Structure formats: structure tokens, C-alpha cells
Amino acid sequence: LRNDFLQRKGVGLPKATSTGTTIVGCVFKD
């Protein structure tokens, strides 16, 4: 409700920060 009110007043919503990483995993025999 607060964010909707601020947006109607012309205040832009904060943008999500882009985060970067590569993480992986796999199963092997053991």
C-alpha cells in the first residue's frame, strides 16, 4: 500500500540490483 501511494505521487519504485555469480554442482559415482 505504501509503495502504491508513493508511485501515485511520482516516486519511482526502487530497481532490483543485478547480482552476478556462477555456481554449479553435479552428482558422480562416489
PDB file of all heavy atoms in Angstrom:
ATOM      1  N   LEU A   1       0.835  -1.207   0.000  1.00  0.00           N
ATOM      2  CA  LEU A   1       0.000   0.000   0.000  1.00  0.00           C
ATOM      3  C   LEU A   1       0.866   1.253   0.000  1.00  0.00           C
ATOM      4  O   LEU A   1       0.575   2.226  -0.703  1.00  0.00           O
ATOM      5  CB  LEU A   1      -0.929  -0.015   1.222  1.00  0.00           C
ATOM      6  CG  LEU A   1      -1.939  -1.167   1.293  1.00  0.00           C
ATOM      7  CD1 LEU A   1      -2.674  -1.146   2.623  1.00  0.00           C
ATOM      8  CD2 LEU A   1      -2.928  -1.074   0.136  1.00  0.00           C
ATOM      9  N   ARG A   2       1.947   1.225   0.793  1.00  0.00           N
ATOM     10  CA  ARG A   2       2.849   2.372   0.835  1.00  0.00           C
ATOM     11  C   ARG A   2       3.497   2.607  -0.523  1.00  0.00           C
ATOM     12  O   ARG A   2       3.555   3.743  -1.020  1.00  0.00           O
ATOM     13  CB  ARG A   2       3.934   2.127   1.884  1.00  0.00           C
ATOM     14  CG  ARG A   2       4.968   3.253   1.992  1.00  0.00           C
ATOM     15  CD  ARG A   2       6.273   2.738   2.573  1.00  0.00           C
ATOM     16  NE  ARG A   2       6.881   1.745   1.691  1.00  0.00           N
ATOM     17  CZ  ARG A   2       7.985   1.080   1.978  1.00  0.00           C
ATOM     18  NH1 ARG A   2       8.581   1.266   3.140  1.00  0.00           N
ATOM     19  NH2 ARG A   2       8.483   0.203   1.121  1.00  0.00           N
ATOM     20  N   ASN A   3       3.971   1.528  -1.162  1.00  0.00           N
ATOM     21  CA  ASN A   3       4.628   1.658  -2.465  1.00  0.00           C
ATOM     22  C   ASN A   3       3.658   2.159  -3.523  1.00  0.00           C
ATOM     23  O   ASN A   3       4.024   2.957  -4.394  1.00  0.00           O
ATOM     24  CB  ASN A   3       5.221   0.318  -2.892  1.00  0.00           C
ATOM     25  CG  ASN A   3       6.381  -0.103  -1.999  1.00  0.00           C
ATOM     26  OD1 ASN A   3       6.945   0.708  -1.282  1.00  0.00           O
ATOM     27  ND2 ASN A   3       6.718  -1.379  -2.045  1.00  0.00           N
ATOM     28  N   ASP A   4       2.408   1.712  -3.462  1.00  0.00           N
ATOM     29  CA  ASP A   4       1.397   2.167  -4.415  1.00  0.00           C
ATOM     30  C   ASP A   4       1.126   3.654  -4.226  1.00  0.00           C
ATOM     31  O   ASP A   4       0.985   4.400  -5.198  1.00  0.00           O
ATOM     32  CB  ASP A   4       0.117   1.344  -4.227  1.00  0.00           C
ATOM     33  CG  ASP A   4      -0.930   1.691  -5.264  1.00  0.00           C
ATOM     34  OD1 ASP A   4      -0.594   1.644  -6.461  1.00  0.00           O
ATOM     35  OD2 ASP A   4      -2.072   2.016  -4.880  1.00  0.00           O
ATOM     36  N   PHE A   5       1.079   4.100  -2.976  1.00  0.00           N
ATOM     37  CA  PHE A   5       0.868   5.518  -2.688  1.00  0.00           C
ATOM     38  C   PHE A   5       2.038   6.357  -3.202  1.00  0.00           C
ATOM     39  O   PHE A   5       1.844   7.401  -3.848  1.00  0.00           O
ATOM     40  CB  PHE A   5       0.710   5.714  -1.175  1.00  0.00           C
ATOM     41  CG  PHE A   5       0.717   7.148  -0.732  1.00  0.00           C
ATOM     42  CD1 PHE A   5      -0.406   7.946  -0.892  1.00  0.00           C
ATOM     43  CD2 PHE A   5       1.860   7.710  -0.179  1.00  0.00           C
ATOM     44  CE1 PHE A   5      -0.389   9.283  -0.494  1.00  0.00           C
ATOM     45  CE2 PHE A   5       1.882   9.033   0.225  1.00  0.00           C
ATOM     46  CZ  PHE A   5       0.750   9.820   0.056  1.00  0.00           C
ATOM     47  N   LEU A   6       3.271   5.902  -2.959  1.00  0.00           N
ATOM     48  CA  LEU A   6       4.446   6.638  -3.416  1.00  0.00           C
ATOM     49  C   LEU A   6       4.510   6.696  -4.935  1.00  0.00           C
ATOM     50  O   LEU A   6       4.898   7.723  -5.510  1.00  0.00           O
ATOM     51  CB  LEU A   6       5.711   5.989  -2.862  1.00  0.00           C
ATOM     52  CG  LEU A   6       5.934   6.111  -1.344  1.00  0.00           C
ATOM     53  CD1 LEU A   6       7.148   5.301  -0.920  1.00  0.00           C
ATOM     54  CD2 LEU A   6       6.100   7.566  -0.939  1.00  0.00           C
ATOM     55  N   GLN A   7       4.107   5.611  -5.594  1.00  0.00           N
ATOM     56  CA  GLN A   7       4.135   5.589  -7.060  1.00  0.00           C
ATOM     57  C   GLN A   7       3.129   6.577  -7.641  1.00  0.00           C
ATOM     58  O   GLN A   7       3.409   7.242  -8.641  1.00  0.00           O
ATOM     59  CB  GLN A   7       3.856   4.170  -7.550  1.00  0.00           C
ATOM     60  CG  GLN A   7       4.244   3.929  -8.995  1.00  0.00           C
ATOM     61  CD  GLN A   7       4.191   2.479  -9.380  1.00  0.00           C
ATOM     62  OE1 GLN A   7       3.547   1.685  -8.709  1.00  0.00           O
ATOM     63  NE2 GLN A   7       4.862   2.108 -10.454  1.00  0.00           N
ATOM     64  N   ARG A   8       1.966   6.716  -7.003  1.00  0.00           N
ATOM     65  CA  ARG A   8       0.964   7.700  -7.467  1.00  0.00           C
ATOM     66  C   ARG A   8       1.457   9.122  -7.266  1.00  0.00           C
ATOM     67  O   ARG A   8       1.062  10.025  -7.995  1.00  0.00           O
ATOM     68  CB  ARG A   8      -0.356   7.490  -6.728  1.00  0.00           C
ATOM     69  CG  ARG A   8      -1.115   6.237  -7.153  1.00  0.00           C
ATOM     70  CD  ARG A   8      -2.587   6.332  -6.760  1.00  0.00           C
ATOM     71  NE  ARG A   8      -2.740   6.529  -5.323  1.00  0.00           N
ATOM     72  CZ  ARG A   8      -2.852   5.553  -4.433  1.00  0.00           C
ATOM     73  NH1 ARG A   8      -2.826   4.284  -4.842  1.00  0.00           N
ATOM     74  NH2 ARG A   8      -2.988   5.811  -3.158  1.00  0.00           N
ATOM     75  N   LYS A   9       2.339   9.319  -6.284  1.00  0.00           N
ATOM     76  CA  LYS A   9       2.902  10.646  -6.027  1.00  0.00           C
ATOM     77  C   LYS A   9       4.089  10.955  -6.942  1.00  0.00           C
ATOM     78  O   LYS A   9       4.679  12.035  -6.854  1.00  0.00           O
ATOM     79  CB  LYS A   9       3.364  10.748  -4.571  1.00  0.00           C
ATOM     80  CG  LYS A   9       2.221  10.735  -3.562  1.00  0.00           C
ATOM     81  CD  LYS A   9       1.374  11.999  -3.660  1.00  0.00           C
ATOM     82  CE  LYS A   9       0.295  12.030  -2.591  1.00  0.00           C
ATOM     83  NZ  LYS A   9      -0.522  13.258  -2.682  1.00  0.00           N
ATOM     84  N   GLY A  10       4.471   9.998  -7.786  1.00  0.00           N
ATOM     85  CA  GLY A  10       5.566  10.235  -8.720  1.00  0.00           C
ATOM     86  C   GLY A  10       6.912   9.713  -8.261  1.00  0.00           C
ATOM     87  O   GLY A  10       7.921   9.924  -8.946  1.00  0.00           O
ATOM     88  N   VAL A  11       6.945   9.051  -7.123  1.00  0.00           N
ATOM     89  CA  VAL A  11       8.202   8.483  -6.636  1.00  0.00           C
ATOM     90  C   VAL A  11       8.398   7.121  -7.278  1.00  0.00           C
ATOM     91  O   VAL A  11       7.551   6.234  -7.152  1.00  0.00           O
ATOM     92  CB  VAL A  11       8.192   8.343  -5.091  1.00  0.00           C
ATOM     93  CG1 VAL A  11       9.494   7.717  -4.604  1.00  0.00           C
ATOM     94  CG2 VAL A  11       7.967   9.701  -4.447  1.00  0.00           C
ATOM     95  N   GLY A  12       9.502   6.954  -7.994  1.00  0.00           N
ATOM     96  CA  GLY A  12       9.751   5.692  -8.680  1.00  0.00           C
ATOM     97  C   GLY A  12      10.094   4.575  -7.712  1.00  0.00           C
ATOM     98  O   GLY A  12      10.722   4.802  -6.666  1.00  0.00           O
ATOM     99  N   LEU A  13       9.664   3.368  -8.034  1.00  0.00           N
ATOM    100  CA  LEU A  13       9.978   2.223  -7.195  1.00  0.00           C
ATOM    101  C   LEU A  13      11.451   1.856  -7.346  1.00  0.00           C
ATOM    102  O   LEU A  13      12.021   2.016  -8.422  1.00  0.00           O
ATOM    103  CB  LEU A  13       9.112   1.017  -7.581  1.00  0.00           C
ATOM    104  CG  LEU A  13       7.609   1.167  -7.324  1.00  0.00           C
ATOM    105  CD1 LEU A  13       6.878  -0.065  -7.834  1.00  0.00           C
ATOM    106  CD2 LEU A  13       7.335   1.359  -5.844  1.00  0.00           C
ATOM    107  N   PRO A  14      12.086   1.393  -6.299  1.00  0.00           N
ATOM    108  CA  PRO A  14      13.498   1.028  -6.409  1.00  0.00           C
ATOM    109  C   PRO A  14      13.683  -0.150  -7.354  1.00  0.00           C
ATOM    110  O   PRO A  14      12.867  -1.076  -7.387  1.00  0.00           O
ATOM    111  CB  PRO A  14      13.875   0.647  -4.963  1.00  0.00           C
ATOM    112  CG  PRO A  14      12.583   0.287  -4.313  1.00  0.00           C
ATOM    113  CD  PRO A  14      11.550   1.150  -4.940  1.00  0.00           C
ATOM    114  N   LYS A  15      14.772  -0.103  -8.114  1.00  0.00           N
ATOM    115  CA  LYS A  15      15.061  -1.180  -9.051  1.00  0.00           C
ATOM    116  C   LYS A  15      15.875  -2.273  -8.364  1.00  0.00           C
ATOM    117  O   LYS A  15      16.676  -1.993  -7.469  1.00  0.00           O
ATOM    118  CB  LYS A  15      15.840  -0.637 -10.250  1.00  0.00           C
ATOM    119  CG  LYS A  15      15.044   0.342 -11.100  1.00  0.00           C
ATOM    120  CD  LYS A  15      15.861   0.814 -12.285  1.00  0.00           C
ATOM    121  CE  LYS A  15      15.054   1.781 -13.134  1.00  0.00           C
ATOM    122  NZ  LYS A  15      15.849   2.266 -14.301  1.00  0.00           N
ATOM    123  N   ALA A  16      15.651  -3.486  -8.783  1.00  0.00           N
ATOM    124  CA  ALA A  16      16.404  -4.609  -8.228  1.00  0.00           C
ATOM    125  C   ALA A  16      17.852  -4.526  -8.690  1.00  0.00           C
ATOM    126  O   ALA A  16      18.135  -4.209  -9.852  1.00  0.00           O
ATOM    127  CB  ALA A  16      15.797  -5.939  -8.661  1.00  0.00           C
ATOM    128  N   THR A  17      18.775  -4.785  -7.782  1.00  0.00           N
ATOM    129  CA  THR A  17      20.190  -4.780  -8.114  1.00  0.00           C
ATOM    130  C   THR A  17      20.556  -6.092  -8.797  1.00  0.00           C
ATOM    131  O   THR A  17      20.219  -7.168  -8.315  1.00  0.00           O
ATOM    132  CB  THR A  17      21.047  -4.619  -6.841  1.00  0.00           C
ATOM    133  OG1 THR A  17      20.671  -3.406  -6.192  1.00  0.00           O
ATOM    134  CG2 THR A  17      22.526  -4.565  -7.187  1.00  0.00           C
ATOM    135  N   SER A  18      21.236  -5.976  -9.937  1.00  0.00           N
ATOM    136  CA  SER A  18      21.656  -7.177 -10.658  1.00  0.00           C
ATOM    137  C   SER A  18      22.869  -7.782  -9.958  1.00  0.00           C
ATOM    138  O   SER A  18      23.869  -7.103  -9.726  1.00  0.00           O
ATOM    139  CB  SER A  18      22.000  -6.827 -12.103  1.00  0.00           C
ATOM    140  OG  SER A  18      22.512  -7.949 -12.775  1.00  0.00           O
ATOM    141  N   THR A  19      22.757  -9.043  -9.591  1.00  0.00           N
ATOM    142  CA  THR A  19      23.879  -9.729  -8.945  1.00  0.00           C
ATOM    143  C   THR A  19      24.436 -10.776  -9.900  1.00  0.00           C
ATOM    144  O   THR A  19      23.717 -11.332 -10.713  1.00  0.00           O
ATOM    145  CB  THR A  19      23.422 -10.415  -7.645  1.00  0.00           C
ATOM    146  OG1 THR A  19      22.374 -11.332  -7.961  1.00  0.00           O
ATOM    147  CG2 THR A  19      22.915  -9.403  -6.649  1.00  0.00           C
ATOM    148  N   GLY A  20      25.721 -11.025  -9.806  1.00  0.00           N
ATOM    149  CA  GLY A  20      26.359 -11.943 -10.740  1.00  0.00           C
ATOM    150  C   GLY A  20      27.135 -13.038 -10.047  1.00  0.00           C
ATOM    151  O   GLY A  20      27.848 -12.777  -9.084  1.00  0.00           O
ATOM    152  N   THR A  21      26.997 -14.249 -10.547  1.00  0.00           N
ATOM    153  CA  THR A  21      27.699 -15.413  -9.998  1.00  0.00           C
ATOM    154  C   THR A  21      27.467 -16.598 -10.925  1.00  0.00           C
ATOM    155  O   THR A  21      26.466 -16.630 -11.635  1.00  0.00           O
ATOM    156  CB  THR A  21      27.182 -15.758  -8.581  1.00  0.00           C
ATOM    157  OG1 THR A  21      27.708 -14.832  -7.644  1.00  0.00           O
ATOM    158  CG2 THR A  21      27.599 -17.134  -8.120  1.00  0.00           C
ATOM    159  N   THR A  22      28.367 -17.549 -10.887  1.00  0.00           N
ATOM    160  CA  THR A  22      28.123 -18.855 -11.498  1.00  0.00           C
ATOM    161  C   THR A  22      28.426 -19.924 -10.461  1.00  0.00           C
ATOM    162  O   THR A  22      29.575 -20.039 -10.010  1.00  0.00           O
ATOM    163  CB  THR A  22      29.019 -19.080 -12.736  1.00  0.00           C
ATOM    164  OG1 THR A  22      28.771 -18.047 -13.695  1.00  0.00           O
ATOM    165  CG2 THR A  22      28.722 -20.426 -13.376  1.00  0.00           C
ATOM    166  N   ILE A  23      27.403 -20.656 -10.025  1.00  0.00           N
ATOM    167  CA  ILE A  23      27.602 -21.765  -9.096  1.00  0.00           C
ATOM    168  C   ILE A  23      26.964 -23.012  -9.702  1.00  0.00           C
ATOM    169  O   ILE A  23      25.903 -22.937 -10.314  1.00  0.00           O
ATOM    170  CB  ILE A  23      27.024 -21.486  -7.693  1.00  0.00           C
ATOM    171  CG1 ILE A  23      25.553 -21.060  -7.769  1.00  0.00           C
ATOM    172  CG2 ILE A  23      27.851 -20.451  -6.958  1.00  0.00           C
ATOM    173  CD1 ILE A  23      24.883 -20.906  -6.424  1.00  0.00           C
ATOM    174  N   VAL A  24      27.641 -24.148  -9.545  1.00  0.00           N
ATOM    175  CA  VAL A  24      27.188 -25.380 -10.187  1.00  0.00           C
ATOM    176  C   VAL A  24      27.418 -26.569  -9.258  1.00  0.00           C
ATOM    177  O   VAL A  24      28.127 -26.467  -8.255  1.00  0.00           O
ATOM    178  CB  VAL A  24      27.942 -25.634 -11.524  1.00  0.00           C
ATOM    179  CG1 VAL A  24      27.851 -24.431 -12.436  1.00  0.00           C
ATOM    180  CG2 VAL A  24      29.401 -25.988 -11.258  1.00  0.00           C
ATOM    181  N   GLY A  25      26.825 -27.681  -9.607  1.00  0.00           N
ATOM    182  CA  GLY A  25      27.048 -28.926  -8.888  1.00  0.00           C
ATOM    183  C   GLY A  25      26.614 -30.099  -9.735  1.00  0.00           C
ATOM    184  O   GLY A  25      25.720 -29.967 -10.582  1.00  0.00           O
ATOM    185  N   CYS A  26      27.247 -31.258  -9.536  1.00  0.00           N
ATOM    186  CA  CYS A  26      26.821 -32.455 -10.238  1.00  0.00           C
ATOM    187  C   CYS A  26      27.107 -33.684  -9.393  1.00  0.00           C
ATOM    188  O   CYS A  26      27.988 -33.681  -8.527  1.00  0.00           O
ATOM    189  CB  CYS A  26      27.479 -32.567 -11.618  1.00  0.00           C
ATOM    190  SG  CYS A  26      29.171 -33.150 -11.616  1.00  0.00           S
ATOM    191  N   VAL A  27      26.332 -34.710  -9.664  1.00  0.00           N
ATOM    192  CA  VAL A  27      26.490 -35.995  -8.979  1.00  0.00           C
ATOM    193  C   VAL A  27      27.457 -36.857  -9.783  1.00  0.00           C
ATOM    194  O   VAL A  27      27.366 -36.908 -11.018  1.00  0.00           O
ATOM    195  CB  VAL A  27      25.125 -36.702  -8.847  1.00  0.00           C
ATOM    196  CG1 VAL A  27      25.287 -38.068  -8.186  1.00  0.00           C
ATOM    197  CG2 VAL A  27      24.148 -35.836  -8.062  1.00  0.00           C
ATOM    198  N   PHE A  28      28.399 -37.522  -9.097  1.00  0.00           N
ATOM    199  CA  PHE A  28      29.240 -38.500  -9.772  1.00  0.00           C
ATOM    200  C   PHE A  28      29.163 -39.828  -9.028  1.00  0.00           C
ATOM    201  O   PHE A  28      28.351 -39.987  -8.118  1.00  0.00           O
ATOM    202  CB  PHE A  28      30.682 -37.991  -9.919  1.00  0.00           C
ATOM    203  CG  PHE A  28      31.492 -37.977  -8.661  1.00  0.00           C
ATOM    204  CD1 PHE A  28      32.481 -38.935  -8.451  1.00  0.00           C
ATOM    205  CD2 PHE A  28      31.298 -37.008  -7.683  1.00  0.00           C
ATOM    206  CE1 PHE A  28      33.251 -38.928  -7.301  1.00  0.00           C
ATOM    207  CE2 PHE A  28      32.059 -36.991  -6.533  1.00  0.00           C
ATOM    208  CZ  PHE A  28      33.035 -37.967  -6.335  1.00  0.00           C
ATOM    209  N   LYS A  29      29.971 -40.783  -9.417  1.00  0.00           N
ATOM    210  CA  LYS A  29      29.829 -42.153  -8.928  1.00  0.00           C
ATOM    211  C   LYS A  29      29.904 -42.255  -7.406  1.00  0.00           C
ATOM    212  O   LYS A  29      29.139 -43.004  -6.782  1.00  0.00           O
ATOM    213  CB  LYS A  29      30.911 -43.027  -9.566  1.00  0.00           C
ATOM    214  CG  LYS A  29      30.781 -44.511  -9.224  1.00  0.00           C
ATOM    215  CD  LYS A  29      31.794 -45.347  -9.959  1.00  0.00           C
ATOM    216  CE  LYS A  29      33.200 -45.089  -9.439  1.00  0.00           C
ATOM    217  NZ  LYS A  29      34.197 -46.016 -10.032  1.00  0.00           N
ATOM    218  N   ASP A  30      30.795 -41.488  -6.792  1.00  0.00           N
ATOM    219  CA  ASP A  30      31.040 -41.626  -5.358  1.00  0.00           C
ATOM    220  C   ASP A  30      30.487 -40.484  -4.512  1.00  0.00           C
ATOM    221  O   ASP A  30      30.654 -40.499  -3.290  1.00  0.00           O
ATOM    222  CB  ASP A  30      32.551 -41.753  -5.092  1.00  0.00           C
ATOM    223  CG  ASP A  30      33.147 -42.974  -5.761  1.00  0.00           C
ATOM    224  OD1 ASP A  30      32.470 -44.026  -5.760  1.00  0.00           O
ATOM    225  OD2 ASP A  30      34.266 -42.870  -6.304  1.00  0.00           O
TER     226      ASP A  30
END
